[in-house]
């Protein structure tokens, strides 16, 4: 029995047609995107690694293992009173927050005030309140005082806390879970 051979020229024409269709799709329309990080032609030297960067009121701050620095023109200068290691800077509730193993500080005008004296890993704004993660618990800033968000603790250390679609989410130990839904 003789096998039928597939006509090679037909296959070539079909592949070219598919290729033309793929290239005929118009490119997606560009959407507006604010520049967050941008390379520039100048450098601001630092004597030690910068582990976190935040901006508040036009001022640029950086966290290091020795505390907080502020960018003054082309030089970093130490922020008075902020000598504990800063591992994260977060903007939440119209304020800039600095956190690390020494606690949580908040920028109030031109000064930084320590508001929690225990290690804090993250801060988020949720339903108009500030929520902080400290170890296995979540704290809520309520009328200027920090209170426990719940009597229950997480079964893991919370490393991140974030608000999304009116729910509070926590991350830690390789998992993400919701705390409140609404």
C-alpha atoms as a PDB file:
ATOM      1  CA  UNK A   1       0.000   0.000   0.000  1.00  0.00           C
ATOM      2  CA  UNK A   2       1.299   3.411  -0.925  1.00  0.00           C
ATOM      3  CA  UNK A   3       1.149   6.175   1.744  1.00  0.00           C
ATOM      4  CA  UNK A   4      -0.062   9.616   0.817  1.00  0.00           C
ATOM      5  CA  UNK A   5       2.534  12.296   1.295  1.00  0.00           C
ATOM      6  CA  UNK A   6       1.424  15.610   2.714  1.00  0.00           C
ATOM      7  CA  UNK A   7       2.052  18.267   0.116  1.00  0.00           C
ATOM      8  CA  UNK A   8       5.045  20.256   1.394  1.00  0.00           C
ATOM      9  CA  UNK A   9       4.137  23.484  -0.477  1.00  0.00           C
ATOM     10  CA  UNK A  10       0.724  23.523   1.250  1.00  0.00           C
ATOM     11  CA  UNK A  11       2.417  23.273   4.682  1.00  0.00           C
ATOM     12  CA  UNK A  12       4.765  26.131   3.818  1.00  0.00           C
ATOM     13  CA  UNK A  13       1.854  28.353   2.719  1.00  0.00           C
ATOM     14  CA  UNK A  14      -0.104  27.504   5.891  1.00  0.00           C
ATOM     15  CA  UNK A  15       2.860  28.374   8.159  1.00  0.00           C
ATOM     16  CA  UNK A  16       3.373  31.685   6.350  1.00  0.00           C
ATOM     17  CA  UNK A  17      -0.322  32.522   6.735  1.00  0.00           C
ATOM     18  CA  UNK A  18      -0.215  31.790  10.481  1.00  0.00           C
ATOM     19  CA  UNK A  19       2.904  33.906  10.835  1.00  0.00           C
ATOM     20  CA  UNK A  20       1.230  36.799   9.000  1.00  0.00           C
ATOM     21  CA  UNK A  21      -1.833  36.591  11.261  1.00  0.00           C
ATOM     22  CA  UNK A  22       0.360  36.678  14.366  1.00  0.00           C
ATOM     23  CA  UNK A  23       2.195  39.782  13.159  1.00  0.00           C
ATOM     24  CA  UNK A  24      -0.979  41.480  11.946  1.00  0.00           C
ATOM     25  CA  UNK A  25      -2.295  41.920  15.519  1.00  0.00           C
ATOM     26  CA  UNK A  26      -1.928  45.581  16.441  1.00  0.00           C
ATOM     27  CA  UNK A  27       0.218  46.315  19.477  1.00  0.00           C
ATOM     28  CA  UNK A  28      -1.568  47.085  22.728  1.00  0.00           C
ATOM     29  CA  UNK A  29      -2.249  50.737  23.441  1.00  0.00           C
ATOM     30  CA  UNK A  30       0.143  52.308  25.896  1.00  0.00           C
ATOM     31  CA  UNK A  31      -1.275  53.227  29.286  1.00  0.00           C
ATOM     32  CA  UNK A  32      -0.098  56.000  31.583  1.00  0.00           C
ATOM     33  CA  UNK A  33       2.444  54.891  34.170  1.00  0.00           C
ATOM     34  CA  UNK A  34       4.172  57.106  36.707  1.00  0.00           C
ATOM     35  CA  UNK A  35       7.923  56.654  36.869  1.00  0.00           C
ATOM     36  CA  UNK A  36       8.770  55.118  40.219  1.00  0.00           C
ATOM     37  CA  UNK A  37      12.456  54.356  39.869  1.00  0.00           C
ATOM     38  CA  UNK A  38      14.635  55.879  37.244  1.00  0.00           C
ATOM     39  CA  UNK A  39      18.312  55.696  36.515  1.00  0.00           C
ATOM     40  CA  UNK A  40      20.054  59.037  36.623  1.00  0.00           C
ATOM     41  CA  UNK A  41      23.481  60.213  35.602  1.00  0.00           C
ATOM     42  CA  UNK A  42      24.668  61.068  39.093  1.00  0.00           C
ATOM     43  CA  UNK A  43      25.213  59.011  42.231  1.00  0.00           C
ATOM     44  CA  UNK A  44      24.745  59.653  45.916  1.00  0.00           C
ATOM     45  CA  UNK A  45      27.481  57.693  47.709  1.00  0.00           C
ATOM     46  CA  UNK A  46      26.716  55.906  50.952  1.00  0.00           C
ATOM     47  CA  UNK A  47      29.152  54.551  53.524  1.00  0.00           C
ATOM     48  CA  UNK A  48      26.868  51.569  54.187  1.00  0.00           C
ATOM     49  CA  UNK A  49      24.133  49.617  52.405  1.00  0.00           C
ATOM     50  CA  UNK A  50      20.733  51.276  52.149  1.00  0.00           C
ATOM     51  CA  UNK A  51      18.040  48.676  52.867  1.00  0.00           C
ATOM     52  CA  UNK A  52      14.882  50.809  52.559  1.00  0.00           C
ATOM     53  CA  UNK A  53      13.980  54.068  50.824  1.00  0.00           C
ATOM     54  CA  UNK A  54      10.954  56.307  51.374  1.00  0.00           C
ATOM     55  CA  UNK A  55       9.781  59.774  50.355  1.00  0.00           C
ATOM     56  CA  UNK A  56       7.708  62.139  52.470  1.00  0.00           C
ATOM     57  CA  UNK A  57       6.926  65.763  51.681  1.00  0.00           C
ATOM     58  CA  UNK A  58       9.677  65.884  49.065  1.00  0.00           C
ATOM     59  CA  UNK A  59      12.310  64.590  51.506  1.00  0.00           C
ATOM     60  CA  UNK A  60      14.087  61.308  50.722  1.00  0.00           C
ATOM     61  CA  UNK A  61      14.922  58.951  53.586  1.00  0.00           C
ATOM     62  CA  UNK A  62      16.899  55.708  53.647  1.00  0.00           C
ATOM     63  CA  UNK A  63      17.075  52.988  56.257  1.00  0.00           C
ATOM     64  CA  UNK A  64      20.337  51.330  57.267  1.00  0.00           C
ATOM     65  CA  UNK A  65      21.434  48.931  59.998  1.00  0.00           C
ATOM     66  CA  UNK A  66      22.592  51.997  61.976  1.00  0.00           C
ATOM     67  CA  UNK A  67      19.428  54.047  61.674  1.00  0.00           C
ATOM     68  CA  UNK A  68      17.780  56.518  59.370  1.00  0.00           C
ATOM     69  CA  UNK A  69      19.412  58.846  56.843  1.00  0.00           C
ATOM     70  CA  UNK A  70      18.019  61.887  55.018  1.00  0.00           C
ATOM     71  CA  UNK A  71      19.189  62.998  51.595  1.00  0.00           C
ATOM     72  CA  UNK A  72      20.477  66.572  51.750  1.00  0.00           C
ATOM     73  CA  UNK A  73      21.349  67.551  48.183  1.00  0.00           C
ATOM     74  CA  UNK A  74      24.053  65.059  47.263  1.00  0.00           C
ATOM     75  CA  UNK A  75      24.895  63.738  50.736  1.00  0.00           C
ATOM     76  CA  UNK A  76      23.234  61.485  53.288  1.00  0.00           C
ATOM     77  CA  UNK A  77      22.958  62.853  56.823  1.00  0.00           C
ATOM     78  CA  UNK A  78      21.935  60.940  59.946  1.00  0.00           C
ATOM     79  CA  UNK A  79      18.480  61.726  61.330  1.00  0.00           C
ATOM     80  CA  UNK A  80      18.791  62.831  64.952  1.00  0.00           C
ATOM     81  CA  UNK A  81      17.421  60.288  67.395  1.00  0.00           C
ATOM     82  CA  UNK A  82      16.861  57.577  64.768  1.00  0.00           C
ATOM     83  CA  UNK A  83      19.762  55.263  65.544  1.00  0.00           C
ATOM     84  CA  UNK A  84      18.003  51.870  65.599  1.00  0.00           C
ATOM     85  CA  UNK A  85      18.242  49.635  62.530  1.00  0.00           C
ATOM     86  CA  UNK A  86      15.595  50.429  59.907  1.00  0.00           C
ATOM     87  CA  UNK A  87      14.601  47.488  57.732  1.00  0.00           C
ATOM     88  CA  UNK A  88      11.518  48.955  56.070  1.00  0.00           C
ATOM     89  CA  UNK A  89      10.007  52.352  55.235  1.00  0.00           C
ATOM     90  CA  UNK A  90       6.295  52.491  54.399  1.00  0.00           C
ATOM     91  CA  UNK A  91       3.928  55.315  53.561  1.00  0.00           C
ATOM     92  CA  UNK A  92       0.555  54.632  55.214  1.00  0.00           C
ATOM     93  CA  UNK A  93      -2.187  56.979  56.359  1.00  0.00           C
ATOM     94  CA  UNK A  94      -0.416  60.048  54.915  1.00  0.00           C
ATOM     95  CA  UNK A  95       2.653  59.412  57.074  1.00  0.00           C
ATOM     96  CA  UNK A  96       6.041  57.799  56.558  1.00  0.00           C
ATOM     97  CA  UNK A  97       6.782  54.952  58.982  1.00  0.00           C
ATOM     98  CA  UNK A  98      10.212  53.464  59.760  1.00  0.00           C
ATOM     99  CA  UNK A  99      10.367  50.004  61.267  1.00  0.00           C
ATOM    100  CA  UNK A 100      12.875  47.455  62.390  1.00  0.00           C
ATOM    101  CA  UNK A 101      13.937  45.296  65.325  1.00  0.00           C
ATOM    102  CA  UNK A 102      14.010  48.354  67.635  1.00  0.00           C
ATOM    103  CA  UNK A 103      10.387  49.286  66.998  1.00  0.00           C
ATOM    104  CA  UNK A 104       8.240  51.572  64.895  1.00  0.00           C
ATOM    105  CA  UNK A 105       8.768  55.296  64.311  1.00  0.00           C
ATOM    106  CA  UNK A 106       6.556  57.815  62.536  1.00  0.00           C
ATOM    107  CA  UNK A 107       7.526  61.059  60.858  1.00  0.00           C
ATOM    108  CA  UNK A 108       5.572  63.958  62.369  1.00  0.00           C
ATOM    109  CA  UNK A 109       6.545  67.138  60.543  1.00  0.00           C
ATOM    110  CA  UNK A 110      10.332  67.353  60.770  1.00  0.00           C
ATOM    111  CA  UNK A 111      10.720  64.938  63.691  1.00  0.00           C
ATOM    112  CA  UNK A 112      10.619  61.158  64.035  1.00  0.00           C
ATOM    113  CA  UNK A 113       8.796  59.724  67.045  1.00  0.00           C
ATOM    114  CA  UNK A 114       9.007  56.151  68.305  1.00  0.00           C
ATOM    115  CA  UNK A 115       5.449  54.885  68.635  1.00  0.00           C
ATOM    116  CA  UNK A 116       6.025  51.160  69.311  1.00  0.00           C
ATOM    117  CA  UNK A 117       9.066  49.954  71.251  1.00  0.00           C
ATOM    118  CA  UNK A 118       9.003  46.331  70.082  1.00  0.00           C
ATOM    119  CA  UNK A 119      10.042  44.837  66.715  1.00  0.00           C
ATOM    120  CA  UNK A 120       7.620  45.703  63.900  1.00  0.00           C
ATOM    121  CA  UNK A 121       7.818  44.115  60.444  1.00  0.00           C
ATOM    122  CA  UNK A 122       5.186  46.080  58.506  1.00  0.00           C
ATOM    123  CA  UNK A 123       2.503  48.774  58.608  1.00  0.00           C
ATOM    124  CA  UNK A 124      -0.580  49.306  56.441  1.00  0.00           C
ATOM    125  CA  UNK A 125      -3.615  51.552  56.274  1.00  0.00           C
ATOM    126  CA  UNK A 126      -6.871  49.590  56.452  1.00  0.00           C
ATOM    127  CA  UNK A 127     -10.351  51.135  56.562  1.00  0.00           C
ATOM    128  CA  UNK A 128      -8.886  54.427  57.759  1.00  0.00           C
ATOM    129  CA  UNK A 129      -6.814  52.879  60.563  1.00  0.00           C
ATOM    130  CA  UNK A 130      -3.123  52.078  60.816  1.00  0.00           C
ATOM    131  CA  UNK A 131      -2.347  48.383  61.376  1.00  0.00           C
ATOM    132  CA  UNK A 132       1.114  47.187  62.455  1.00  0.00           C
ATOM    133  CA  UNK A 133       2.534  43.647  62.429  1.00  0.00           C
ATOM    134  CA  UNK A 134       4.648  42.709  65.430  1.00  0.00           C
ATOM    135  CA  UNK A 135       5.654  39.073  65.727  1.00  0.00           C
ATOM    136  CA  UNK A 136       2.491  36.957  65.692  1.00  0.00           C
ATOM    137  CA  UNK A 137       0.133  39.806  66.522  1.00  0.00           C
ATOM    138  CA  UNK A 138      -1.472  42.742  64.786  1.00  0.00           C
ATOM    139  CA  UNK A 139      -1.793  46.132  66.446  1.00  0.00           C
ATOM    140  CA  UNK A 140      -4.253  48.913  65.610  1.00  0.00           C
ATOM    141  CA  UNK A 141      -3.670  52.617  66.196  1.00  0.00           C
ATOM    142  CA  UNK A 142      -6.893  53.751  67.857  1.00  0.00           C
ATOM    143  CA  UNK A 143      -7.233  57.321  69.176  1.00  0.00           C
ATOM    144  CA  UNK A 144      -3.447  57.645  69.501  1.00  0.00           C
ATOM    145  CA  UNK A 145      -2.998  54.349  71.385  1.00  0.00           C
ATOM    146  CA  UNK A 146      -1.888  50.957  70.085  1.00  0.00           C
ATOM    147  CA  UNK A 147      -4.270  48.118  70.889  1.00  0.00           C
ATOM    148  CA  UNK A 148      -4.378  44.492  69.812  1.00  0.00           C
ATOM    149  CA  UNK A 149      -6.500  44.050  66.686  1.00  0.00           C
ATOM    150  CA  UNK A 150      -7.627  40.653  68.005  1.00  0.00           C
ATOM    151  CA  UNK A 151      -7.178  38.452  71.042  1.00  0.00           C
ATOM    152  CA  UNK A 152      -5.981  35.700  68.685  1.00  0.00           C
ATOM    153  CA  UNK A 153      -2.422  35.532  67.425  1.00  0.00           C
ATOM    154  CA  UNK A 154      -1.317  34.184  64.068  1.00  0.00           C
ATOM    155  CA  UNK A 155       0.269  30.709  64.098  1.00  0.00           C
ATOM    156  CA  UNK A 156       3.295  32.290  62.366  1.00  0.00           C
ATOM    157  CA  UNK A 157       5.326  35.493  62.519  1.00  0.00           C
ATOM    158  CA  UNK A 158       3.654  38.079  60.284  1.00  0.00           C
ATOM    159  CA  UNK A 159       6.154  39.642  57.878  1.00  0.00           C
ATOM    160  CA  UNK A 160       3.763  41.749  55.766  1.00  0.00           C
ATOM    161  CA  UNK A 161       0.295  43.183  56.246  1.00  0.00           C
ATOM    162  CA  UNK A 162      -1.736  44.774  53.458  1.00  0.00           C
ATOM    163  CA  UNK A 163      -5.239  45.939  52.691  1.00  0.00           C
ATOM    164  CA  UNK A 164      -6.873  44.785  49.462  1.00  0.00           C
ATOM    165  CA  UNK A 165     -10.516  45.045  48.399  1.00  0.00           C
ATOM    166  CA  UNK A 166     -11.659  45.954  51.909  1.00  0.00           C
ATOM    167  CA  UNK A 167      -9.972  42.909  53.468  1.00  0.00           C
ATOM    168  CA  UNK A 168      -6.875  42.786  55.635  1.00  0.00           C
ATOM    169  CA  UNK A 169      -4.271  40.239  54.535  1.00  0.00           C
ATOM    170  CA  UNK A 170      -1.131  38.976  56.255  1.00  0.00           C
ATOM    171  CA  UNK A 171       1.931  37.195  54.905  1.00  0.00           C
ATOM    172  CA  UNK A 172       4.405  35.038  56.756  1.00  0.00           C
ATOM    173  CA  UNK A 173       6.017  31.613  56.778  1.00  0.00           C
ATOM    174  CA  UNK A 174       5.304  30.995  53.085  1.00  0.00           C
ATOM    175  CA  UNK A 175       1.580  31.756  53.248  1.00  0.00           C
ATOM    176  CA  UNK A 176      -0.899  34.574  52.710  1.00  0.00           C
ATOM    177  CA  UNK A 177      -4.210  34.669  54.543  1.00  0.00           C
ATOM    178  CA  UNK A 178      -7.020  37.080  55.247  1.00  0.00           C
ATOM    179  CA  UNK A 179      -7.700  38.478  58.702  1.00  0.00           C
ATOM    180  CA  UNK A 180     -10.980  40.345  58.191  1.00  0.00           C
ATOM    181  CA  UNK A 181     -13.431  40.479  55.359  1.00  0.00           C
ATOM    182  CA  UNK A 182     -15.972  43.100  54.839  1.00  0.00           C
END
